[in-house]
Amino acid sequence: MSAWNYWHVHHFMVTHYQNTGLVPERSVLLVEFADLDPEQVDEGIAEFDLVMGNHRGGVDHNAYKEA
């Protein structure tokens, strides 16, 4: 079990977006949180999308979901 969860992914995304104006790609998040289940990464992405809304622009995370 990882010490990380979806909330850490969400926080990382918010911090990265605030600092750079760019949304990190799912592939970057999977590397950054390699010990976390991909489903948890996807939940963090979904939380970020919910909070930030579609107006933020950036990456289409659905294009990076695993089959």
PDB file of N, CA and C in Angstrom:
ATOM      1  N   MET A   1       0.845  -1.187   0.000  1.00  0.00           N
ATOM      2  CA  MET A   1       0.000   0.000   0.000  1.00  0.00           C
ATOM      3  C   MET A   1       0.881   1.238   0.000  1.00  0.00           C
ATOM      4  N   SER A   2       0.536   2.177  -0.827  1.00  0.00           N
ATOM      5  CA  SER A   2       1.301   3.408  -0.984  1.00  0.00           C
ATOM      6  C   SER A   2       0.911   4.428   0.082  1.00  0.00           C
ATOM      7  N   ALA A   3       1.866   5.284   0.424  1.00  0.00           N
ATOM      8  CA  ALA A   3       1.588   6.392   1.344  1.00  0.00           C
ATOM      9  C   ALA A   3       0.852   7.514   0.616  1.00  0.00           C
ATOM     10  N   TRP A   4       0.822   7.438  -0.707  1.00  0.00           N
ATOM     11  CA  TRP A   4       0.162   8.447  -1.529  1.00  0.00           C
ATOM     12  C   TRP A   4      -1.250   8.012  -1.850  1.00  0.00           C
ATOM     13  N   ASN A   5      -2.098   8.986  -2.211  1.00  0.00           N
ATOM     14  CA  ASN A   5      -3.431   8.675  -2.704  1.00  0.00           C
ATOM     15  C   ASN A   5      -3.836   9.730  -3.736  1.00  0.00           C
ATOM     16  N   TYR A   6      -5.079   9.662  -4.199  1.00  0.00           N
ATOM     17  CA  TYR A   6      -5.523  10.556  -5.265  1.00  0.00           C
ATOM     18  C   TYR A   6      -5.391  12.028  -4.879  1.00  0.00           C
ATOM     19  N   TRP A   7      -5.512  12.327  -3.590  1.00  0.00           N
ATOM     20  CA  TRP A   7      -5.427  13.720  -3.154  1.00  0.00           C
ATOM     21  C   TRP A   7      -4.028  14.284  -3.395  1.00  0.00           C
ATOM     22  N   HIS A   8      -3.007  13.467  -3.237  1.00  0.00           N
ATOM     23  CA  HIS A   8      -1.639  13.904  -3.505  1.00  0.00           C
ATOM     24  C   HIS A   8      -1.447  14.203  -4.988  1.00  0.00           C
ATOM     25  N   VAL A   9      -2.061  13.395  -5.834  1.00  0.00           N
ATOM     26  CA  VAL A   9      -2.009  13.642  -7.281  1.00  0.00           C
ATOM     27  C   VAL A   9      -2.692  14.974  -7.591  1.00  0.00           C
ATOM     28  N   HIS A  10      -3.866  15.176  -7.031  1.00  0.00           N
ATOM     29  CA  HIS A  10      -4.599  16.427  -7.233  1.00  0.00           C
ATOM     30  C   HIS A  10      -3.758  17.623  -6.787  1.00  0.00           C
ATOM     31  N   HIS A  11      -3.177  17.533  -5.602  1.00  0.00           N
ATOM     32  CA  HIS A  11      -2.368  18.639  -5.076  1.00  0.00           C
ATOM     33  C   HIS A  11      -1.152  18.904  -5.962  1.00  0.00           C
ATOM     34  N   PHE A  12      -0.491  17.846  -6.414  1.00  0.00           N
ATOM     35  CA  PHE A  12       0.644  17.991  -7.324  1.00  0.00           C
ATOM     36  C   PHE A  12       0.223  18.718  -8.593  1.00  0.00           C
ATOM     37  N   MET A  13      -0.943  18.334  -9.131  1.00  0.00           N
ATOM     38  CA  MET A  13      -1.428  18.955 -10.363  1.00  0.00           C
ATOM     39  C   MET A  13      -1.737  20.438 -10.153  1.00  0.00           C
ATOM     40  N   VAL A  14      -2.395  20.757  -9.039  1.00  0.00           N
ATOM     41  CA  VAL A  14      -2.726  22.157  -8.746  1.00  0.00           C
ATOM     42  C   VAL A  14      -1.449  22.980  -8.605  1.00  0.00           C
ATOM     43  N   THR A  15      -0.496  22.473  -7.840  1.00  0.00           N
ATOM     44  CA  THR A  15       0.761  23.190  -7.624  1.00  0.00           C
ATOM     45  C   THR A  15       1.504  23.387  -8.944  1.00  0.00           C
ATOM     46  N   HIS A  16       1.581  22.339  -9.747  1.00  0.00           N
ATOM     47  CA  HIS A  16       2.263  22.418 -11.038  1.00  0.00           C
ATOM     48  C   HIS A  16       1.574  23.438 -11.942  1.00  0.00           C
ATOM     49  N   TYR A  17       0.248  23.400 -11.968  1.00  0.00           N
ATOM     50  CA  TYR A  17      -0.524  24.330 -12.804  1.00  0.00           C
ATOM     51  C   TYR A  17      -0.337  25.771 -12.333  1.00  0.00           C
ATOM     52  N   GLN A  18      -0.345  25.987 -11.032  1.00  0.00           N
ATOM     53  CA  GLN A  18      -0.158  27.343 -10.498  1.00  0.00           C
ATOM     54  C   GLN A  18       1.242  27.875 -10.812  1.00  0.00           C
ATOM     55  N   ASN A  19       2.228  27.001 -10.770  1.00  0.00           N
ATOM     56  CA  ASN A  19       3.612  27.430 -10.993  1.00  0.00           C
ATOM     57  C   ASN A  19       3.984  27.582 -12.464  1.00  0.00           C
ATOM     58  N   THR A  20       3.351  26.815 -13.334  1.00  0.00           N
ATOM     59  CA  THR A  20       3.770  26.804 -14.740  1.00  0.00           C
ATOM     60  C   THR A  20       2.678  27.239 -15.717  1.00  0.00           C
ATOM     61  N   GLY A  21       1.414  27.157 -15.291  1.00  0.00           N
ATOM     62  CA  GLY A  21       0.304  27.423 -16.203  1.00  0.00           C
ATOM     63  C   GLY A  21      -0.001  26.242 -17.103  1.00  0.00           C
ATOM     64  N   LEU A  22       0.669  25.123 -16.867  1.00  0.00           N
ATOM     65  CA  LEU A  22       0.484  23.921 -17.675  1.00  0.00           C
ATOM     66  C   LEU A  22      -0.066  22.788 -16.820  1.00  0.00           C
ATOM     67  N   VAL A  23      -0.908  21.959 -17.416  1.00  0.00           N
ATOM     68  CA  VAL A  23      -1.438  20.791 -16.736  1.00  0.00           C
ATOM     69  C   VAL A  23      -0.505  19.621 -17.019  1.00  0.00           C
ATOM     70  N   PRO A  24      -0.019  18.950 -15.981  1.00  0.00           N
ATOM     71  CA  PRO A  24       0.875  17.811 -16.235  1.00  0.00           C
ATOM     72  C   PRO A  24       0.131  16.676 -16.933  1.00  0.00           C
ATOM     73  N   GLU A  25       0.805  16.036 -17.850  1.00  0.00           N
ATOM     74  CA  GLU A  25       0.213  14.919 -18.580  1.00  0.00           C
ATOM     75  C   GLU A  25       0.114  13.693 -17.680  1.00  0.00           C
ATOM     76  N   ARG A  26      -0.802  12.815 -18.006  1.00  0.00           N
ATOM     77  CA  ARG A  26      -0.995  11.589 -17.230  1.00  0.00           C
ATOM     78  C   ARG A  26       0.282  10.771 -17.167  1.00  0.00           C
ATOM     79  N   SER A  27       1.021  10.720 -18.259  1.00  0.00           N
ATOM     80  CA  SER A  27       2.265   9.942 -18.271  1.00  0.00           C
ATOM     81  C   SER A  27       3.265  10.480 -17.245  1.00  0.00           C
ATOM     82  N   VAL A  28       3.309  11.789 -17.078  1.00  0.00           N
ATOM     83  CA  VAL A  28       4.188  12.400 -16.074  1.00  0.00           C
ATOM     84  C   VAL A  28       3.708  12.012 -14.675  1.00  0.00           C
ATOM     85  N   LEU A  29       2.403  12.045 -14.476  1.00  0.00           N
ATOM     86  CA  LEU A  29       1.844  11.695 -13.171  1.00  0.00           C
ATOM     87  C   LEU A  29       2.100  10.229 -12.833  1.00  0.00           C
ATOM     88  N   LEU A  30       2.018   9.360 -13.826  1.00  0.00           N
ATOM     89  CA  LEU A  30       2.286   7.941 -13.587  1.00  0.00           C
ATOM     90  C   LEU A  30       3.732   7.700 -13.184  1.00  0.00           C
ATOM     91  N   VAL A  31       4.646   8.488 -13.714  1.00  0.00           N
ATOM     92  CA  VAL A  31       6.056   8.375 -13.315  1.00  0.00           C
ATOM     93  C   VAL A  31       6.257   8.967 -11.922  1.00  0.00           C
ATOM     94  N   GLU A  32       5.687  10.134 -11.694  1.00  0.00           N
ATOM     95  CA  GLU A  32       5.830  10.818 -10.405  1.00  0.00           C
ATOM     96  C   GLU A  32       5.239   9.983  -9.260  1.00  0.00           C
ATOM     97  N   PHE A  33       4.146   9.291  -9.543  1.00  0.00           N
ATOM     98  CA  PHE A  33       3.469   8.474  -8.541  1.00  0.00           C
ATOM     99  C   PHE A  33       3.505   6.998  -8.950  1.00  0.00           C
ATOM    100  N   ALA A  34       4.685   6.516  -9.255  1.00  0.00           N
ATOM    101  CA  ALA A  34       4.862   5.158  -9.783  1.00  0.00           C
ATOM    102  C   ALA A  34       4.388   4.078  -8.809  1.00  0.00           C
ATOM    103  N   ASP A  35       4.443   4.351  -7.512  1.00  0.00           N
ATOM    104  CA  ASP A  35       4.019   3.343  -6.539  1.00  0.00           C
ATOM    105  C   ASP A  35       2.523   3.388  -6.243  1.00  0.00           C
ATOM    106  N   LEU A  36       1.809   4.253  -6.941  1.00  0.00           N
ATOM    107  CA  LEU A  36       0.369   4.416  -6.751  1.00  0.00           C
ATOM    108  C   LEU A  36      -0.380   3.701  -7.867  1.00  0.00           C
ATOM    109  N   ASP A  37      -1.489   3.067  -7.539  1.00  0.00           N
ATOM    110  CA  ASP A  37      -2.303   2.414  -8.566  1.00  0.00           C
ATOM    111  C   ASP A  37      -2.756   3.441  -9.601  1.00  0.00           C
ATOM    112  N   PRO A  38      -2.733   3.097 -10.886  1.00  0.00           N
ATOM    113  CA  PRO A  38      -3.183   4.022 -11.931  1.00  0.00           C
ATOM    114  C   PRO A  38      -4.610   4.540 -11.703  1.00  0.00           C
ATOM    115  N   GLU A  39      -5.460   3.736 -11.070  1.00  0.00           N
ATOM    116  CA  GLU A  39      -6.824   4.179 -10.786  1.00  0.00           C
ATOM    117  C   GLU A  39      -6.823   5.377  -9.830  1.00  0.00           C
ATOM    118  N   GLN A  40      -5.888   5.378  -8.882  1.00  0.00           N
ATOM    119  CA  GLN A  40      -5.765   6.494  -7.955  1.00  0.00           C
ATOM    120  C   GLN A  40      -5.267   7.740  -8.682  1.00  0.00           C
ATOM    121  N   VAL A  41      -4.360   7.553  -9.627  1.00  0.00           N
ATOM    122  CA  VAL A  41      -3.884   8.675 -10.441  1.00  0.00           C
ATOM    123  C   VAL A  41      -5.060   9.252 -11.230  1.00  0.00           C
ATOM    124  N   ASP A  42      -5.856   8.379 -11.818  1.00  0.00           N
ATOM    125  CA  ASP A  42      -7.026   8.837 -12.585  1.00  0.00           C
ATOM    126  C   ASP A  42      -8.025   9.570 -11.697  1.00  0.00           C
ATOM    127  N   GLU A  43      -8.177   9.124 -10.443  1.00  0.00           N
ATOM    128  CA  GLU A  43      -9.075   9.815  -9.525  1.00  0.00           C
ATOM    129  C   GLU A  43      -8.557  11.206  -9.193  1.00  0.00           C
ATOM    130  N   GLY A  44      -7.245  11.327  -9.031  1.00  0.00           N
ATOM    131  CA  GLY A  44      -6.647  12.638  -8.790  1.00  0.00           C
ATOM    132  C   GLY A  44      -6.840  13.576  -9.971  1.00  0.00           C
ATOM    133  N   ILE A  45      -6.713  13.027 -11.172  1.00  0.00           N
ATOM    134  CA  ILE A  45      -6.954  13.811 -12.391  1.00  0.00           C
ATOM    135  C   ILE A  45      -8.412  14.255 -12.445  1.00  0.00           C
ATOM    136  N   ALA A  46      -9.314  13.345 -12.124  1.00  0.00           N
ATOM    137  CA  ALA A  46     -10.744  13.668 -12.143  1.00  0.00           C
ATOM    138  C   ALA A  46     -11.059  14.760 -11.118  1.00  0.00           C
ATOM    139  N   GLU A  47     -10.456  14.692  -9.945  1.00  0.00           N
ATOM    140  CA  GLU A  47     -10.668  15.712  -8.918  1.00  0.00           C
ATOM    141  C   GLU A  47     -10.160  17.065  -9.405  1.00  0.00           C
ATOM    142  N   PHE A  48      -8.990  17.070 -10.030  1.00  0.00           N
ATOM    143  CA  PHE A  48      -8.434  18.300 -10.589  1.00  0.00           C
ATOM    144  C   PHE A  48      -9.370  18.879 -11.640  1.00  0.00           C
ATOM    145  N   ASP A  49      -9.855  18.028 -12.539  1.00  0.00           N
ATOM    146  CA  ASP A  49     -10.766  18.475 -13.596  1.00  0.00           C
ATOM    147  C   ASP A  49     -12.062  19.027 -13.005  1.00  0.00           C
ATOM    148  N   LEU A  50     -12.565  18.384 -11.947  1.00  0.00           N
ATOM    149  CA  LEU A  50     -13.785  18.839 -11.300  1.00  0.00           C
ATOM    150  C   LEU A  50     -13.594  20.231 -10.697  1.00  0.00           C
ATOM    151  N   VAL A  51     -12.483  20.423 -10.025  1.00  0.00           N
ATOM    152  CA  VAL A  51     -12.209  21.701  -9.360  1.00  0.00           C
ATOM    153  C   VAL A  51     -11.888  22.795 -10.373  1.00  0.00           C
ATOM    154  N   MET A  52     -11.055  22.479 -11.352  1.00  0.00           N
ATOM    155  CA  MET A  52     -10.584  23.483 -12.304  1.00  0.00           C
ATOM    156  C   MET A  52     -11.577  23.705 -13.447  1.00  0.00           C
ATOM    157  N   GLY A  53     -12.384  22.711 -13.752  1.00  0.00           N
ATOM    158  CA  GLY A  53     -13.343  22.840 -14.841  1.00  0.00           C
ATOM    159  C   GLY A  53     -12.662  22.775 -16.196  1.00  0.00           C
ATOM    160  N   ASN A  54     -13.453  22.800 -17.237  1.00  0.00           N
ATOM    161  CA  ASN A  54     -12.932  22.691 -18.602  1.00  0.00           C
ATOM    162  C   ASN A  54     -12.298  23.973 -19.107  1.00  0.00           C
ATOM    163  N   HIS A  55     -12.489  25.083 -18.415  1.00  0.00           N
ATOM    164  CA  HIS A  55     -11.956  26.356 -18.893  1.00  0.00           C
ATOM    165  C   HIS A  55     -10.432  26.429 -18.811  1.00  0.00           C
ATOM    166  N   ARG A  56      -9.797  25.497 -18.119  1.00  0.00           N
ATOM    167  CA  ARG A  56      -8.356  25.561 -17.903  1.00  0.00           C
ATOM    168  C   ARG A  56      -7.549  25.237 -19.159  1.00  0.00           C
ATOM    169  N   GLY A  57      -8.152  24.549 -20.129  1.00  0.00           N
ATOM    170  CA  GLY A  57      -7.403  24.149 -21.325  1.00  0.00           C
ATOM    171  C   GLY A  57      -6.432  23.041 -20.980  1.00  0.00           C
ATOM    172  N   GLY A  58      -5.439  22.821 -21.812  1.00  0.00           N
ATOM    173  CA  GLY A  58      -4.396  21.857 -21.487  1.00  0.00           C
ATOM    174  C   GLY A  58      -4.635  20.496 -22.090  1.00  0.00           C
ATOM    175  N   VAL A  59      -4.259  19.487 -21.349  1.00  0.00           N
ATOM    176  CA  VAL A  59      -4.174  18.120 -21.829  1.00  0.00           C
ATOM    177  C   VAL A  59      -5.520  17.417 -21.750  1.00  0.00           C
ATOM    178  N   ASP A  60      -5.810  16.596 -22.751  1.00  0.00           N
ATOM    179  CA  ASP A  60      -6.956  15.712 -22.696  1.00  0.00           C
ATOM    180  C   ASP A  60      -6.495  14.419 -22.015  1.00  0.00           C
ATOM    181  N   HIS A  61      -6.768  14.306 -20.728  1.00  0.00           N
ATOM    182  CA  HIS A  61      -6.288  13.161 -19.963  1.00  0.00           C
ATOM    183  C   HIS A  61      -6.908  11.846 -20.425  1.00  0.00           C
ATOM    184  N   ASN A  62      -8.082  11.913 -21.026  1.00  0.00           N
ATOM    185  CA  ASN A  62      -8.727  10.683 -21.489  1.00  0.00           C
ATOM    186  C   ASN A  62      -7.912  10.001 -22.578  1.00  0.00           C
ATOM    187  N   ALA A  63      -7.123  10.761 -23.290  1.00  0.00           N
ATOM    188  CA  ALA A  63      -6.299  10.186 -24.348  1.00  0.00           C
ATOM    189  C   ALA A  63      -5.201   9.291 -23.774  1.00  0.00           C
ATOM    190  N   TYR A  64      -4.938   9.406 -22.485  1.00  0.00           N
ATOM    191  CA  TYR A  64      -3.832   8.660 -21.866  1.00  0.00           C
ATOM    192  C   TYR A  64      -4.299   7.523 -20.970  1.00  0.00           C
ATOM    193  N   LYS A  65      -5.594   7.282 -20.905  1.00  0.00           N
ATOM    194  CA  LYS A  65      -6.087   6.204 -20.057  1.00  0.00           C
ATOM    195  C   LYS A  65      -5.665   4.864 -20.629  1.00  0.00           C
ATOM    196  N   GLU A  66      -5.341   3.950 -19.743  1.00  0.00           N
ATOM    197  CA  GLU A  66      -4.930   2.628 -20.157  1.00  0.00           C
ATOM    198  C   GLU A  66      -6.149   1.815 -20.558  1.00  0.00           C
ATOM    199  N   ALA A  67      -5.929   0.903 -21.486  1.00  0.00           N
ATOM    200  CA  ALA A  67      -7.023   0.064 -21.959  1.00  0.00           C
ATOM    201  C   ALA A  67      -7.397  -0.980 -20.938  1.00  0.00           C
TER     202      ALA A  67
END
